[in-house]
Amino acid sequence: MNDDDTPAPGAAKPPPTVGEGCVRRYDPEALSEEDGTDFDGAEALWQRTQRERPNTE
């Protein structure tokens, strides 16, 4: 990859979409492992916040 191929900071573009209006979604054929998020600690964080949450019921 040379400097000409490097995207500018904040210049991310979303993957292509299919459909229109309320049924518009990302094209599954265009998605790869590079798309999406990975948050391994999500479950542990959720459990901790639930334990630390004041009981207001």
C-alpha atoms as a PDB file:
ATOM      1  CA  MET A   1       0.000   0.000   0.000  1.00  0.00           C
ATOM      2  CA  ASN A   2       1.512   3.322  -0.953  1.00  0.00           C
ATOM      3  CA  ASP A   3       0.681   6.750   0.443  1.00  0.00           C
ATOM      4  CA  ASP A   4      -1.766   7.431  -2.410  1.00  0.00           C
ATOM      5  CA  ASP A   5      -3.918   4.456  -1.300  1.00  0.00           C
ATOM      6  CA  THR A   6      -4.071   5.499   2.351  1.00  0.00           C
ATOM      7  CA  PRO A   7      -7.498   6.958   3.161  1.00  0.00           C
ATOM      8  CA  ALA A   8      -7.655  10.297   4.913  1.00  0.00           C
ATOM      9  CA  PRO A   9      -8.461  10.142   8.648  1.00  0.00           C
ATOM     10  CA  GLY A  10     -12.211  10.062   9.199  1.00  0.00           C
ATOM     11  CA  ALA A  11     -12.828   9.169   5.577  1.00  0.00           C
ATOM     12  CA  ALA A  12     -14.418   5.766   6.156  1.00  0.00           C
ATOM     13  CA  LYS A  13     -17.296   4.891   3.892  1.00  0.00           C
ATOM     14  CA  PRO A  14     -20.048   2.391   4.645  1.00  0.00           C
ATOM     15  CA  PRO A  15     -20.447  -0.838   2.683  1.00  0.00           C
ATOM     16  CA  PRO A  16     -22.964  -0.957  -0.176  1.00  0.00           C
ATOM     17  CA  THR A  17     -26.647  -1.380   0.702  1.00  0.00           C
ATOM     18  CA  VAL A  18     -29.603  -3.177  -0.832  1.00  0.00           C
ATOM     19  CA  GLY A  19     -33.284  -2.321  -0.567  1.00  0.00           C
ATOM     20  CA  GLU A  20     -34.949   0.992   0.073  1.00  0.00           C
ATOM     21  CA  GLY A  21     -36.621   2.776   2.949  1.00  0.00           C
ATOM     22  CA  CYS A  22     -37.409   0.639   5.994  1.00  0.00           C
ATOM     23  CA  VAL A  23     -35.977  -2.523   4.424  1.00  0.00           C
ATOM     24  CA  ARG A  24     -32.621  -0.983   3.467  1.00  0.00           C
ATOM     25  CA  ARG A  25     -29.714  -3.006   4.824  1.00  0.00           C
ATOM     26  CA  TYR A  26     -26.041  -3.669   4.179  1.00  0.00           C
ATOM     27  CA  ASP A  27     -25.449  -5.993   1.244  1.00  0.00           C
ATOM     28  CA  PRO A  28     -24.433  -9.338   2.824  1.00  0.00           C
ATOM     29  CA  GLU A  29     -22.468 -10.221  -0.310  1.00  0.00           C
ATOM     30  CA  ALA A  30     -20.262  -7.144   0.175  1.00  0.00           C
ATOM     31  CA  LEU A  31     -19.490  -7.743   3.885  1.00  0.00           C
ATOM     32  CA  SER A  32     -16.325  -9.454   5.106  1.00  0.00           C
ATOM     33  CA  GLU A  33     -14.531 -10.172   8.381  1.00  0.00           C
ATOM     34  CA  GLU A  34     -13.118  -6.639   8.151  1.00  0.00           C
ATOM     35  CA  ASP A  35     -16.615  -5.158   8.656  1.00  0.00           C
ATOM     36  CA  GLY A  36     -18.293  -4.950  12.025  1.00  0.00           C
ATOM     37  CA  THR A  37     -16.994  -4.824  15.565  1.00  0.00           C
ATOM     38  CA  ASP A  38     -15.321  -7.136  18.019  1.00  0.00           C
ATOM     39  CA  PHE A  39     -15.854  -6.482  21.711  1.00  0.00           C
ATOM     40  CA  ASP A  40     -14.776  -9.550  23.653  1.00  0.00           C
ATOM     41  CA  GLY A  41     -15.351  -7.844  26.992  1.00  0.00           C
ATOM     42  CA  ALA A  42     -18.995  -6.914  26.367  1.00  0.00           C
ATOM     43  CA  GLU A  43     -20.519  -9.641  28.532  1.00  0.00           C
ATOM     44  CA  ALA A  44     -18.172  -8.976  31.456  1.00  0.00           C
ATOM     45  CA  LEU A  45     -18.836  -5.234  31.237  1.00  0.00           C
ATOM     46  CA  TRP A  46     -22.608  -5.799  31.185  1.00  0.00           C
ATOM     47  CA  GLN A  47     -22.464  -8.062  34.245  1.00  0.00           C
ATOM     48  CA  ARG A  48     -20.288  -5.586  36.146  1.00  0.00           C
ATOM     49  CA  THR A  49     -22.565  -2.633  35.381  1.00  0.00           C
ATOM     50  CA  GLN A  50     -25.583  -4.655  36.475  1.00  0.00           C
ATOM     51  CA  ARG A  51     -23.933  -5.480  39.819  1.00  0.00           C
ATOM     52  CA  GLU A  52     -22.888  -1.857  40.369  1.00  0.00           C
ATOM     53  CA  ARG A  53     -26.256  -0.367  39.370  1.00  0.00           C
ATOM     54  CA  PRO A  54     -28.173   1.073  42.318  1.00  0.00           C
ATOM     55  CA  ASN A  55     -31.397  -0.770  43.055  1.00  0.00           C
ATOM     56  CA  THR A  56     -34.133   1.821  42.392  1.00  0.00           C
ATOM     57  CA  GLU A  57     -37.086  -0.554  42.252  1.00  0.00           C
END
